[in-house]
C-alpha atoms as a PDB file:
ATOM      1  CA  MET A   1     -96.730 -84.254 -49.160  1.00  0.00           C
ATOM      2  CA  PRO A   2     -97.562 -80.712 -50.285  1.00  0.00           C
ATOM      3  CA  ASN A   3    -100.438 -80.036 -52.621  1.00  0.00           C
ATOM      4  CA  ILE A   4     -98.956 -80.019 -56.120  1.00  0.00           C
ATOM      5  CA  ALA A   5    -101.892 -78.240 -57.822  1.00  0.00           C
ATOM      6  CA  PRO A   6    -100.768 -74.701 -56.858  1.00  0.00           C
ATOM      7  CA  ILE A   7     -97.250 -75.431 -58.093  1.00  0.00           C
ATOM      8  CA  LEU A   8     -98.514 -76.729 -61.430  1.00  0.00           C
ATOM      9  CA  LEU A   9    -100.852 -73.747 -61.777  1.00  0.00           C
ATOM     10  CA  PHE A  10     -98.006 -71.327 -61.119  1.00  0.00           C
ATOM     11  CA  LEU A  11     -95.733 -73.062 -63.642  1.00  0.00           C
ATOM     12  CA  SER A  12     -98.393 -73.138 -66.339  1.00  0.00           C
ATOM     13  CA  LEU A  13     -99.175 -69.444 -65.849  1.00  0.00           C
ATOM     14  CA  ALA A  14     -95.491 -68.510 -65.818  1.00  0.00           C
ATOM     15  CA  LEU A  15     -94.800 -70.403 -69.048  1.00  0.00           C
ATOM     16  CA  SER A  16     -97.953 -69.456 -70.938  1.00  0.00           C
ATOM     17  CA  GLY A  17     -96.909 -65.810 -71.398  1.00  0.00           C
ATOM     18  CA  PRO A  18     -93.787 -66.450 -73.484  1.00  0.00           C
ATOM     19  CA  VAL A  19     -95.452 -69.249 -75.437  1.00  0.00           C
ATOM     20  CA  LEU A  20     -98.474 -67.091 -76.304  1.00  0.00           C
ATOM     21  CA  GLY A  21     -96.119 -64.282 -77.261  1.00  0.00           C
ATOM     22  CA  LEU A  22     -94.266 -66.523 -79.699  1.00  0.00           C
ATOM     23  CA  LEU A  23     -97.477 -67.938 -81.148  1.00  0.00           C
ATOM     24  CA  SER A  24     -98.844 -64.464 -81.817  1.00  0.00           C
ATOM     25  CA  LEU A  25     -95.814 -63.322 -83.829  1.00  0.00           C
ATOM     26  CA  PRO A  26     -96.380 -62.962 -87.564  1.00  0.00           C
ATOM     27  CA  PRO A  27     -94.667 -65.721 -89.540  1.00  0.00           C
ATOM     28  CA  ALA A  28     -91.140 -65.031 -90.754  1.00  0.00           C
ATOM     29  CA  GLN A  29     -91.321 -64.567 -94.520  1.00  0.00           C
ATOM     30  CA  SER A  30     -87.834 -65.203 -95.893  1.00  0.00           C
ATOM     31  CA  GLY A  31     -84.246 -65.997 -95.020  1.00  0.00           C
ATOM     32  CA  LEU A  32     -83.402 -68.406 -92.236  1.00  0.00           C
ATOM     33  CA  VAL A  33     -86.557 -69.535 -90.410  1.00  0.00           C
ATOM     34  CA  LEU A  34     -87.410 -72.129 -87.785  1.00  0.00           C
ATOM     35  CA  VAL A  35     -90.453 -74.248 -88.631  1.00  0.00           C
ATOM     36  CA  LEU A  36     -92.280 -75.923 -85.732  1.00  0.00           C
ATOM     37  CA  SER A  37     -94.958 -78.504 -86.493  1.00  0.00           C
ATOM     38  CA  PRO A  38     -96.417 -81.737 -85.116  1.00  0.00           C
ATOM     39  CA  PRO A  39     -94.254 -84.835 -85.606  1.00  0.00           C
ATOM     40  CA  TRP A  40     -96.949 -86.713 -87.554  1.00  0.00           C
ATOM     41  CA  VAL A  41     -96.969 -84.339 -90.557  1.00  0.00           C
ATOM     42  CA  ASP A  42     -94.607 -84.516 -93.531  1.00  0.00           C
ATOM     43  CA  ARG A  43     -92.781 -81.287 -92.697  1.00  0.00           C
ATOM     44  CA  GLY A  44     -90.242 -81.776 -95.506  1.00  0.00           C
ATOM     45  CA  ALA A  45     -92.940 -81.919 -98.174  1.00  0.00           C
ATOM     46  CA  GLN A  46     -94.668 -78.835 -96.728  1.00  0.00           C
ATOM     47  CA  ILE A  47     -91.387 -76.919 -96.745  1.00  0.00           C
ATOM     48  CA  ASP A  48     -90.658 -77.929-100.352  1.00  0.00           C
ATOM     49  CA  ARG A  49     -94.132 -76.876-101.546  1.00  0.00           C
ATOM     50  CA  ALA A  50     -93.846 -73.512 -99.777  1.00  0.00           C
ATOM     51  CA  GLY A  51     -90.513 -72.717-101.456  1.00  0.00           C
ATOM     52  CA  GLY A  52     -87.761 -73.562 -98.973  1.00  0.00           C
ATOM     53  CA  HIS A  53     -85.239 -76.235 -98.075  1.00  0.00           C
ATOM     54  CA  GLY A  54     -83.935 -77.673 -94.832  1.00  0.00           C
ATOM     55  CA  VAL A  55     -80.585 -76.520 -93.464  1.00  0.00           C
ATOM     56  CA  GLY A  56     -78.248 -78.954 -91.750  1.00  0.00           C
ATOM     57  CA  PRO A  57     -78.111 -82.693 -91.430  1.00  0.00           C
ATOM     58  CA  LEU A  58     -80.680 -83.039 -88.634  1.00  0.00           C
ATOM     59  CA  GLN A  59     -84.407 -82.563 -88.313  1.00  0.00           C
ATOM     60  CA  THR A  60     -85.878 -82.800 -84.826  1.00  0.00           C
ATOM     61  CA  PRO A  61     -89.316 -84.307 -84.186  1.00  0.00           C
ATOM     62  CA  LEU A  62     -90.859 -80.838 -83.786  1.00  0.00           C
ATOM     63  CA  ALA A  63     -88.596 -78.361 -85.613  1.00  0.00           C
ATOM     64  CA  THR A  64     -86.547 -77.807 -88.743  1.00  0.00           C
ATOM     65  CA  LEU A  65     -84.226 -74.936 -89.604  1.00  0.00           C
ATOM     66  CA  VAL A  66     -85.097 -73.809 -93.136  1.00  0.00           C
ATOM     67  CA  GLN A  67     -83.718 -71.442 -95.761  1.00  0.00           C
ATOM     68  CA  ALA A  68     -86.781 -69.770 -97.276  1.00  0.00           C
ATOM     69  CA  GLU A  69     -86.392 -68.906-100.958  1.00  0.00           C
ATOM     70  CA  ALA A  70     -89.897 -67.571-101.692  1.00  0.00           C
ATOM     71  CA  SER A  71     -90.743 -64.059-100.482  1.00  0.00           C
ATOM     72  CA  ASP A  72     -94.084 -65.221 -99.031  1.00  0.00           C
ATOM     73  CA  PHE A  73     -92.711 -68.463 -97.594  1.00  0.00           C
ATOM     74  CA  GLY A  74     -94.027 -67.882 -94.057  1.00  0.00           C
ATOM     75  CA  ASP A  75     -97.612 -67.275 -95.154  1.00  0.00           C
ATOM     76  CA  ARG A  76     -97.599 -70.218 -97.566  1.00  0.00           C
ATOM     77  CA  LEU A  77     -96.112 -72.588 -95.009  1.00  0.00           C
ATOM     78  CA  ARG A  78     -98.326 -71.382 -92.159  1.00  0.00           C
ATOM     79  CA  ALA A  79    -101.368 -72.127 -94.357  1.00  0.00           C
ATOM     80  CA  ALA A  80    -100.109 -75.723 -94.649  1.00  0.00           C
ATOM     81  CA  GLY A  81    -100.406 -76.221 -90.901  1.00  0.00           C
ATOM     82  CA  PRO A  82     -97.197 -75.772 -88.847  1.00  0.00           C
ATOM     83  CA  PHE A  83     -97.496 -74.347 -85.347  1.00  0.00           C
ATOM     84  CA  MET A  84     -94.982 -71.575 -85.946  1.00  0.00           C
ATOM     85  CA  VAL A  85     -92.631 -70.115 -88.525  1.00  0.00           C
ATOM     86  CA  VAL A  86     -90.186 -67.846 -86.674  1.00  0.00           C
ATOM     87  CA  ASP A  87     -86.986 -65.957 -87.478  1.00  0.00           C
ATOM     88  CA  GLY A  88     -84.250 -68.571 -87.468  1.00  0.00           C
ATOM     89  CA  THR A  89     -81.365 -66.105 -87.273  1.00  0.00           C
ATOM     90  CA  ALA A  90     -82.303 -65.158 -83.716  1.00  0.00           C
ATOM     91  CA  ILE A  91     -82.621 -68.830 -82.776  1.00  0.00           C
ATOM     92  CA  ALA A  92     -79.232 -69.634 -84.316  1.00  0.00           C
ATOM     93  CA  GLN A  93     -77.559 -66.750 -82.461  1.00  0.00           C
ATOM     94  CA  PHE A  94     -79.151 -67.960 -79.230  1.00  0.00           C
ATOM     95  CA  CYS A  95     -77.533 -71.350 -79.874  1.00  0.00           C
ATOM     96  CA  GLY A  96     -74.112 -69.735 -80.423  1.00  0.00           C
ATOM     97  CA  VAL A  97     -73.968 -69.710 -84.247  1.00  0.00           C
ATOM     98  CA  ASP A  98     -72.524 -66.503 -85.743  1.00  0.00           C
ATOM     99  CA  GLY A  99     -72.929 -65.296 -89.297  1.00  0.00           C
END
C-alpha cells in the first residue's frame, strides 16, 4: 500500500490556492450574490438584516443565492459572520443560467 501522506499533501496544496483566492476577494456589494456560511447559523435572518432576500426555492446547508437590495449589503452581511459573499451572476452562469 503506497504512502498516502504525499498524495494528501499534494491535493491540499493544489486546492488551497483557489480557495484562498476566493476567500481574499472583497465581498460582492449588490445584485445577485452567493452567501456561504456555516450550517449552524441562521443565514436567512442574517440576510434579512443586511438588506437582501433569498432567490429560489432551495437553500443548501452551506450556501444561498441572494438578491441584495442594499448598496452595502456585502459589508453588512460579512460583518454578521458568513465565510464569503461572492458575485452570484458568475456562479449562475457557471451553472448554465443565462440572464
